[in-house]
Amino acid sequence: MTVLSNARWPEVAAGPRRLLVVPLGSVEQHGPHLPMYTDTRIAVAVASRACAGRPGVGIAPAVTIGASGEHAEFPGTLSIGTQALTLLLVELGRHASLHWPAMLLVNGHGGNIAAINSAIATLRDEGRQCHVWHAGLSPAQLAEAGIAAGVADAHAGRFETSVMLALAPELVTMDEAAPGATQPVADVMPALRERGVRAVSPNGVLGDPTGASAAEGRQRLSSLVACLTQTLEEVLALGD
């Protein structure tokens, strides 16, 4: 694995180059208890662990500011929007393809999905190899964590809070953690899309973080790394 932010160009030129991994995140509110860069921190951590020891895999610096318009009512949130993020990813993919045969986006923020899908479609139409993996809990992982199916845990809830307690406990203020909107996701989605997160959750939380723990976060992190590892192996096999 080559961490591009620390590497010198002769090292990159001399080594194998099979896949460029690009973490994507956001700078947006994550309730009163989590830092703004939670999505980015999780994406970088999972990518770094899954890629460790893999020759020919490079990790780019994270694209930190994404599409976070749904959180615009909360001070501190920064967003470049879907259109700008799409263009950024297309141009990044075009340049990356000069030196890397494939690119894998490791996405930690759901609001980036529309831009990612559009960018990947353009890059693939141009003949470039571009893939994506989204960080999140599968239904099986939700059940394992004791989170009922359909319950909102989409943002700053138990999942993200537990993972951040495992990664950076000094940045989590659990005494300020409180439930937000805990209705099924389908029930809050129409209002969220029309009026933003603050309209459905004044504290910015979609879920209930109060049951979070570092031990659970380590388990969830391990599951995410295993999922990304499988995707990495599948993408790398395409180039063999």
C-alpha atoms as a PDB file:
ATOM      1  CA  MET A   1       0.000   0.000   0.000  1.00  0.00           C
ATOM      2  CA  THR A   2       1.219   3.480  -0.881  1.00  0.00           C
ATOM      3  CA  VAL A   3      -0.099   6.509   0.999  1.00  0.00           C
ATOM      4  CA  LEU A   4       0.179   9.187  -1.684  1.00  0.00           C
ATOM      5  CA  SER A   5       0.242  12.106   0.729  1.00  0.00           C
ATOM      6  CA  ASN A   6       3.481  10.730   2.215  1.00  0.00           C
ATOM      7  CA  ALA A   7       5.071   9.321  -0.948  1.00  0.00           C
ATOM      8  CA  ARG A   8       7.556  10.855  -3.400  1.00  0.00           C
ATOM      9  CA  TRP A   9       6.925  10.497  -7.113  1.00  0.00           C
ATOM     10  CA  PRO A  10       9.928   8.238  -7.864  1.00  0.00           C
ATOM     11  CA  GLU A  11       8.588   5.766  -5.297  1.00  0.00           C
ATOM     12  CA  VAL A  12       5.205   5.728  -7.000  1.00  0.00           C
ATOM     13  CA  ALA A  13       6.779   5.436 -10.448  1.00  0.00           C
ATOM     14  CA  ALA A  14       8.985   2.523  -9.409  1.00  0.00           C
ATOM     15  CA  GLY A  15       6.304   0.512  -7.648  1.00  0.00           C
ATOM     16  CA  PRO A  16       3.352  -1.478  -9.002  1.00  0.00           C
ATOM     17  CA  ARG A  17       0.194   0.510  -9.642  1.00  0.00           C
ATOM     18  CA  ARG A  18      -2.983  -1.553  -9.725  1.00  0.00           C
ATOM     19  CA  LEU A  19      -5.662   0.489  -7.964  1.00  0.00           C
ATOM     20  CA  LEU A  20      -6.116   4.005  -6.589  1.00  0.00           C
ATOM     21  CA  VAL A  21      -8.393   4.181  -3.545  1.00  0.00           C
ATOM     22  CA  VAL A  22     -10.029   7.547  -2.801  1.00  0.00           C
ATOM     23  CA  PRO A  23     -11.903   8.042   0.500  1.00  0.00           C
ATOM     24  CA  LEU A  24     -14.867  10.430   0.347  1.00  0.00           C
ATOM     25  CA  GLY A  25     -16.535  12.084   3.299  1.00  0.00           C
ATOM     26  CA  SER A  26     -18.113  15.315   4.429  1.00  0.00           C
ATOM     27  CA  VAL A  27     -17.815  18.295   6.739  1.00  0.00           C
ATOM     28  CA  GLU A  28     -21.256  18.430   8.291  1.00  0.00           C
ATOM     29  CA  GLN A  29     -23.011  18.425  11.627  1.00  0.00           C
ATOM     30  CA  HIS A  30     -23.200  15.088  13.381  1.00  0.00           C
ATOM     31  CA  GLY A  31     -25.408  15.999  16.285  1.00  0.00           C
ATOM     32  CA  PRO A  32     -24.136  17.781  19.388  1.00  0.00           C
ATOM     33  CA  HIS A  33     -21.748  14.965  20.284  1.00  0.00           C
ATOM     34  CA  LEU A  34     -19.732  14.007  17.160  1.00  0.00           C
ATOM     35  CA  PRO A  35     -17.190  16.018  15.117  1.00  0.00           C
ATOM     36  CA  MET A  36     -17.973  17.487  11.712  1.00  0.00           C
ATOM     37  CA  TYR A  37     -15.537  15.169   9.929  1.00  0.00           C
ATOM     38  CA  THR A  38     -17.053  11.909  11.216  1.00  0.00           C
ATOM     39  CA  ASP A  39     -17.867  10.546   7.735  1.00  0.00           C
ATOM     40  CA  THR A  40     -14.375  11.296   6.462  1.00  0.00           C
ATOM     41  CA  ARG A  41     -12.672   9.795   9.513  1.00  0.00           C
ATOM     42  CA  ILE A  42     -14.622   6.549   9.137  1.00  0.00           C
ATOM     43  CA  ALA A  43     -13.979   6.302   5.377  1.00  0.00           C
ATOM     44  CA  VAL A  44     -10.240   6.888   5.821  1.00  0.00           C
ATOM     45  CA  ALA A  45      -9.971   4.404   8.701  1.00  0.00           C
ATOM     46  CA  VAL A  46     -11.770   1.632   6.848  1.00  0.00           C
ATOM     47  CA  ALA A  47      -9.819   2.246   3.632  1.00  0.00           C
ATOM     48  CA  SER A  48      -6.459   2.324   5.427  1.00  0.00           C
ATOM     49  CA  ARG A  49      -7.117  -0.937   7.258  1.00  0.00           C
ATOM     50  CA  ALA A  50      -8.506  -2.802   4.272  1.00  0.00           C
ATOM     51  CA  CYS A  51      -5.678  -1.678   1.965  1.00  0.00           C
ATOM     52  CA  ALA A  52      -2.810  -2.292   4.403  1.00  0.00           C
ATOM     53  CA  GLY A  53      -0.142  -4.598   3.021  1.00  0.00           C
ATOM     54  CA  ARG A  54      -1.551  -4.680  -0.512  1.00  0.00           C
ATOM     55  CA  PRO A  55       1.149  -3.968  -3.118  1.00  0.00           C
ATOM     56  CA  GLY A  56       0.027  -1.851  -6.009  1.00  0.00           C
ATOM     57  CA  VAL A  57      -2.755  -0.143  -4.062  1.00  0.00           C
ATOM     58  CA  GLY A  58      -2.457   3.601  -3.506  1.00  0.00           C
ATOM     59  CA  ILE A  59      -4.553   5.641  -1.100  1.00  0.00           C
ATOM     60  CA  ALA A  60      -5.235   9.231  -2.106  1.00  0.00           C
ATOM     61  CA  PRO A  61      -5.899  12.043   0.355  1.00  0.00           C
ATOM     62  CA  ALA A  62      -9.587  12.130   1.220  1.00  0.00           C
ATOM     63  CA  VAL A  63     -12.095  14.287  -0.609  1.00  0.00           C
ATOM     64  CA  THR A  64     -13.386  15.826   2.593  1.00  0.00           C
ATOM     65  CA  ILE A  65     -16.041  18.342   1.552  1.00  0.00           C
ATOM     66  CA  GLY A  66     -18.901  16.681  -0.277  1.00  0.00           C
ATOM     67  CA  ALA A  67     -22.599  17.207  -0.966  1.00  0.00           C
ATOM     68  CA  SER A  68     -24.243  18.051   2.366  1.00  0.00           C
ATOM     69  CA  GLY A  69     -27.049  20.399   1.433  1.00  0.00           C
ATOM     70  CA  GLU A  70     -29.502  18.536   3.666  1.00  0.00           C
ATOM     71  CA  HIS A  71     -27.476  19.742   6.673  1.00  0.00           C
ATOM     72  CA  ALA A  72     -27.135  23.363   5.527  1.00  0.00           C
ATOM     73  CA  GLU A  73     -29.224  24.763   8.392  1.00  0.00           C
ATOM     74  CA  PHE A  74     -26.596  23.697  10.929  1.00  0.00           C
ATOM     75  CA  PRO A  75     -23.640  26.098  11.408  1.00  0.00           C
ATOM     76  CA  GLY A  76     -20.291  24.526  10.590  1.00  0.00           C
ATOM     77  CA  THR A  77     -21.540  22.367   7.747  1.00  0.00           C
ATOM     78  CA  LEU A  78     -19.691  22.896   4.464  1.00  0.00           C
ATOM     79  CA  SER A  79     -20.953  21.620   1.108  1.00  0.00           C
ATOM     80  CA  ILE A  80     -19.974  21.968  -2.532  1.00  0.00           C
ATOM     81  CA  GLY A  81     -23.167  20.317  -3.766  1.00  0.00           C
ATOM     82  CA  THR A  82     -23.882  17.427  -6.094  1.00  0.00           C
ATOM     83  CA  GLN A  83     -23.005  19.169  -9.366  1.00  0.00           C
ATOM     84  CA  ALA A  84     -19.589  20.381  -8.195  1.00  0.00           C
ATOM     85  CA  LEU A  85     -18.763  17.057  -6.530  1.00  0.00           C
ATOM     86  CA  THR A  86     -19.684  15.212  -9.713  1.00  0.00           C
ATOM     87  CA  LEU A  87     -17.337  17.378 -11.754  1.00  0.00           C
ATOM     88  CA  LEU A  88     -14.570  16.990  -9.171  1.00  0.00           C
ATOM     89  CA  LEU A  89     -14.834  13.191  -9.246  1.00  0.00           C
ATOM     90  CA  VAL A  90     -14.953  13.053 -13.040  1.00  0.00           C
ATOM     91  CA  GLU A  91     -11.832  15.178 -13.394  1.00  0.00           C
ATOM     92  CA  LEU A  92     -10.087  13.250 -10.635  1.00  0.00           C
ATOM     93  CA  GLY A  93     -10.922   9.966 -12.330  1.00  0.00           C
ATOM     94  CA  ARG A  94      -9.698  11.200 -15.695  1.00  0.00           C
ATOM     95  CA  HIS A  95      -6.358  12.271 -14.286  1.00  0.00           C
ATOM     96  CA  ALA A  96      -5.961   9.201 -12.081  1.00  0.00           C
ATOM     97  CA  SER A  97      -6.387   6.974 -15.126  1.00  0.00           C
ATOM     98  CA  LEU A  98      -3.122   8.371 -16.536  1.00  0.00           C
ATOM     99  CA  HIS A  99      -1.195   6.391 -13.915  1.00  0.00           C
ATOM    100  CA  TRP A 100      -3.632   3.934 -12.343  1.00  0.00           C
ATOM    101  CA  PRO A 101      -5.647   1.342 -14.286  1.00  0.00           C
ATOM    102  CA  ALA A 102      -8.587   1.531 -11.869  1.00  0.00           C
ATOM    103  CA  MET A 103     -10.040   3.736  -9.140  1.00  0.00           C
ATOM    104  CA  LEU A 104     -12.166   2.768  -6.146  1.00  0.00           C
ATOM    105  CA  LEU A 105     -14.152   5.398  -4.254  1.00  0.00           C
ATOM    106  CA  VAL A 106     -14.671   4.593  -0.562  1.00  0.00           C
ATOM    107  CA  ASN A 107     -17.660   6.694   0.433  1.00  0.00           C
ATOM    108  CA  GLY A 108     -18.599   7.537   3.996  1.00  0.00           C
ATOM    109  CA  HIS A 109     -21.478   9.975   3.339  1.00  0.00           C
ATOM    110  CA  GLY A 110     -24.880   9.116   1.888  1.00  0.00           C
ATOM    111  CA  GLY A 111     -25.363  12.604   0.465  1.00  0.00           C
ATOM    112  CA  ASN A 112     -22.497  11.943  -1.965  1.00  0.00           C
ATOM    113  CA  ILE A 113     -24.224   9.020  -3.674  1.00  0.00           C
ATOM    114  CA  ALA A 114     -25.940  10.952  -6.485  1.00  0.00           C
ATOM    115  CA  ALA A 115     -22.681  12.648  -7.460  1.00  0.00           C
ATOM    116  CA  ILE A 116     -20.750   9.381  -7.276  1.00  0.00           C
ATOM    117  CA  ASN A 117     -23.241   7.529  -9.451  1.00  0.00           C
ATOM    118  CA  SER A 118     -23.194  10.273 -12.058  1.00  0.00           C
ATOM    119  CA  ALA A 119     -19.385  10.506 -12.077  1.00  0.00           C
ATOM    120  CA  ILE A 120     -18.922   6.748 -12.347  1.00  0.00           C
ATOM    121  CA  ALA A 121     -21.364   6.580 -15.253  1.00  0.00           C
ATOM    122  CA  THR A 122     -19.401   9.263 -17.116  1.00  0.00           C
ATOM    123  CA  LEU A 123     -16.021   7.668 -16.407  1.00  0.00           C
ATOM    124  CA  ARG A 124     -17.199   4.231 -17.451  1.00  0.00           C
ATOM    125  CA  ASP A 125     -18.701   5.633 -20.643  1.00  0.00           C
ATOM    126  CA  GLU A 126     -15.226   6.989 -21.373  1.00  0.00           C
ATOM    127  CA  GLY A 127     -13.733   3.528 -20.915  1.00  0.00           C
ATOM    128  CA  ARG A 128     -12.243   4.076 -17.473  1.00  0.00           C
ATOM    129  CA  GLN A 129     -12.401   1.546 -14.636  1.00  0.00           C
ATOM    130  CA  CYS A 130     -14.136   3.183 -11.673  1.00  0.00           C
ATOM    131  CA  HIS A 131     -15.863   1.501  -8.740  1.00  0.00           C
ATOM    132  CA  VAL A 132     -17.459   2.472  -5.431  1.00  0.00           C
ATOM    133  CA  TRP A 133     -17.964   1.023  -1.967  1.00  0.00           C
ATOM    134  CA  HIS A 134     -20.339   2.670   0.501  1.00  0.00           C
ATOM    135  CA  ALA A 135     -19.750   2.428   4.256  1.00  0.00           C
ATOM    136  CA  GLY A 136     -22.857   1.362   6.126  1.00  0.00           C
ATOM    137  CA  LEU A 137     -24.603  -1.394   8.014  1.00  0.00           C
ATOM    138  CA  SER A 138     -26.234  -4.254   6.152  1.00  0.00           C
ATOM    139  CA  PRO A 139     -29.549  -5.633   7.507  1.00  0.00           C
ATOM    140  CA  ALA A 140     -27.599  -8.512   9.059  1.00  0.00           C
ATOM    141  CA  GLN A 141     -25.216  -6.091  10.774  1.00  0.00           C
ATOM    142  CA  LEU A 142     -28.142  -4.015  12.047  1.00  0.00           C
ATOM    143  CA  ALA A 143     -29.678  -7.115  13.571  1.00  0.00           C
ATOM    144  CA  GLU A 144     -26.336  -8.092  15.112  1.00  0.00           C
ATOM    145  CA  ALA A 145     -26.089  -4.634  16.681  1.00  0.00           C
ATOM    146  CA  GLY A 146     -29.602  -4.918  18.102  1.00  0.00           C
ATOM    147  CA  ILE A 147     -31.012  -2.171  15.860  1.00  0.00           C
ATOM    148  CA  ALA A 148     -34.506  -2.995  14.633  1.00  0.00           C
ATOM    149  CA  ALA A 149     -35.089  -3.029  10.881  1.00  0.00           C
ATOM    150  CA  GLY A 150     -36.540   0.242   9.595  1.00  0.00           C
ATOM    151  CA  VAL A 151     -35.454   2.308  12.609  1.00  0.00           C
ATOM    152  CA  ALA A 152     -33.575   5.469  11.739  1.00  0.00           C
ATOM    153  CA  ASP A 153     -29.865   5.108  12.465  1.00  0.00           C
ATOM    154  CA  ALA A 154     -28.736   6.979   9.405  1.00  0.00           C
ATOM    155  CA  HIS A 155     -26.873   9.876  10.958  1.00  0.00           C
ATOM    156  CA  ALA A 156     -24.997  10.424  14.230  1.00  0.00           C
ATOM    157  CA  GLY A 157     -26.849   7.510  15.815  1.00  0.00           C
ATOM    158  CA  ARG A 158     -25.606   4.389  17.507  1.00  0.00           C
ATOM    159  CA  PHE A 159     -23.597   3.109  14.538  1.00  0.00           C
ATOM    160  CA  GLU A 160     -21.512   6.212  13.820  1.00  0.00           C
ATOM    161  CA  THR A 161     -21.171   7.081  17.496  1.00  0.00           C
ATOM    162  CA  SER A 162     -19.877   3.613  18.361  1.00  0.00           C
ATOM    163  CA  VAL A 163     -17.367   3.662  15.511  1.00  0.00           C
ATOM    164  CA  MET A 164     -16.102   7.092  16.521  1.00  0.00           C
ATOM    165  CA  LEU A 165     -15.780   5.943  20.142  1.00  0.00           C
ATOM    166  CA  ALA A 166     -13.502   3.205  18.796  1.00  0.00           C
ATOM    167  CA  LEU A 167     -11.520   5.531  16.506  1.00  0.00           C
ATOM    168  CA  ALA A 168     -11.314   8.846  18.351  1.00  0.00           C
ATOM    169  CA  PRO A 169     -13.008   8.755  21.769  1.00  0.00           C
ATOM    170  CA  GLU A 170     -11.468  12.085  22.720  1.00  0.00           C
ATOM    171  CA  LEU A 171     -13.643  13.752  20.073  1.00  0.00           C
ATOM    172  CA  VAL A 172     -16.938  12.249  21.267  1.00  0.00           C
ATOM    173  CA  THR A 173     -18.921  13.984  24.020  1.00  0.00           C
ATOM    174  CA  MET A 174     -21.330  11.285  25.189  1.00  0.00           C
ATOM    175  CA  ASP A 175     -22.800  13.523  27.887  1.00  0.00           C
ATOM    176  CA  GLU A 176     -24.321  15.550  25.027  1.00  0.00           C
ATOM    177  CA  ALA A 177     -25.517  12.545  23.028  1.00  0.00           C
ATOM    178  CA  ALA A 178     -29.303  12.402  22.770  1.00  0.00           C
ATOM    179  CA  PRO A 179     -31.869  10.726  20.513  1.00  0.00           C
ATOM    180  CA  GLY A 180     -33.045  12.606  17.468  1.00  0.00           C
ATOM    181  CA  ALA A 181     -35.608  11.397  14.948  1.00  0.00           C
ATOM    182  CA  THR A 182     -36.089   7.705  15.683  1.00  0.00           C
ATOM    183  CA  GLN A 183     -38.988   7.004  13.334  1.00  0.00           C
ATOM    184  CA  PRO A 184     -38.533   4.544  10.478  1.00  0.00           C
ATOM    185  CA  VAL A 185     -36.387   6.101   7.752  1.00  0.00           C
ATOM    186  CA  ALA A 186     -39.202   5.908   5.201  1.00  0.00           C
ATOM    187  CA  ASP A 187     -41.405   8.069   7.433  1.00  0.00           C
ATOM    188  CA  VAL A 188     -38.961  10.973   7.700  1.00  0.00           C
ATOM    189  CA  MET A 189     -37.446  10.831   4.224  1.00  0.00           C
ATOM    190  CA  PRO A 190     -40.051  12.985   2.390  1.00  0.00           C
ATOM    191  CA  ALA A 191     -39.685  15.868   4.873  1.00  0.00           C
ATOM    192  CA  LEU A 192     -35.923  15.445   4.997  1.00  0.00           C
ATOM    193  CA  ARG A 193     -35.629  15.705   1.229  1.00  0.00           C
ATOM    194  CA  GLU A 194     -37.931  18.706   1.033  1.00  0.00           C
ATOM    195  CA  ARG A 195     -36.802  20.712   4.070  1.00  0.00           C
ATOM    196  CA  GLY A 196     -33.535  19.214   5.311  1.00  0.00           C
ATOM    197  CA  VAL A 197     -32.452  17.341   8.414  1.00  0.00           C
ATOM    198  CA  ARG A 198     -33.192  20.131  10.897  1.00  0.00           C
ATOM    199  CA  ALA A 199     -36.874  20.037   9.963  1.00  0.00           C
ATOM    200  CA  VAL A 200     -37.178  16.468  11.216  1.00  0.00           C
ATOM    201  CA  SER A 201     -34.470  16.466  13.906  1.00  0.00           C
ATOM    202  CA  PRO A 202     -33.619  19.739  15.712  1.00  0.00           C
ATOM    203  CA  ASN A 203     -30.437  18.257  17.193  1.00  0.00           C
ATOM    204  CA  GLY A 204     -29.339  16.798  13.845  1.00  0.00           C
ATOM    205  CA  VAL A 205     -29.451  13.144  14.890  1.00  0.00           C
ATOM    206  CA  LEU A 206     -31.268  10.428  12.934  1.00  0.00           C
ATOM    207  CA  GLY A 207     -31.269   7.610  15.447  1.00  0.00           C
ATOM    208  CA  ASP A 208     -30.366   7.145  19.093  1.00  0.00           C
ATOM    209  CA  PRO A 209     -26.680   7.329  20.046  1.00  0.00           C
ATOM    210  CA  THR A 210     -27.161   6.748  23.760  1.00  0.00           C
ATOM    211  CA  GLY A 211     -26.478   2.999  23.559  1.00  0.00           C
ATOM    212  CA  ALA A 212     -23.200   3.424  21.712  1.00  0.00           C
ATOM    213  CA  SER A 213     -19.941   1.927  22.967  1.00  0.00           C
ATOM    214  CA  ALA A 214     -16.338   1.600  21.834  1.00  0.00           C
ATOM    215  CA  ALA A 215     -16.609  -2.194  22.017  1.00  0.00           C
ATOM    216  CA  GLU A 216     -19.516  -2.167  19.599  1.00  0.00           C
ATOM    217  CA  GLY A 217     -17.661   0.330  17.431  1.00  0.00           C
ATOM    218  CA  ARG A 218     -14.700  -2.041  17.113  1.00  0.00           C
ATOM    219  CA  GLN A 219     -17.059  -4.798  16.004  1.00  0.00           C
ATOM    220  CA  ARG A 220     -18.763  -2.562  13.447  1.00  0.00           C
ATOM    221  CA  LEU A 221     -15.402  -1.304  12.195  1.00  0.00           C
ATOM    222  CA  SER A 222     -14.190  -4.876  11.763  1.00  0.00           C
ATOM    223  CA  SER A 223     -17.316  -5.693   9.751  1.00  0.00           C
ATOM    224  CA  LEU A 224     -16.827  -2.667   7.520  1.00  0.00           C
ATOM    225  CA  VAL A 225     -13.181  -3.553   6.884  1.00  0.00           C
ATOM    226  CA  ALA A 226     -14.174  -7.116   5.994  1.00  0.00           C
ATOM    227  CA  CYS A 227     -16.796  -5.850   3.530  1.00  0.00           C
ATOM    228  CA  LEU A 228     -14.374  -3.444   1.876  1.00  0.00           C
ATOM    229  CA  THR A 229     -11.687  -6.123   1.758  1.00  0.00           C
ATOM    230  CA  GLN A 230     -14.028  -8.329  -0.246  1.00  0.00           C
ATOM    231  CA  THR A 231     -14.749  -5.475  -2.652  1.00  0.00           C
ATOM    232  CA  LEU A 232     -11.019  -4.746  -3.011  1.00  0.00           C
ATOM    233  CA  GLU A 233     -10.295  -8.340  -3.892  1.00  0.00           C
ATOM    234  CA  GLU A 234     -13.068  -8.368  -6.481  1.00  0.00           C
ATOM    235  CA  VAL A 235     -11.877  -5.125  -8.083  1.00  0.00           C
ATOM    236  CA  LEU A 236      -8.235  -6.222  -8.120  1.00  0.00           C
ATOM    237  CA  ALA A 237      -9.209  -9.546  -9.679  1.00  0.00           C
ATOM    238  CA  LEU A 238     -10.734  -7.660 -12.621  1.00  0.00           C
ATOM    239  CA  GLY A 239      -7.273  -6.398 -13.512  1.00  0.00           C
ATOM    240  CA  ASP A 240      -5.517  -9.738 -13.249  1.00  0.00           C
END
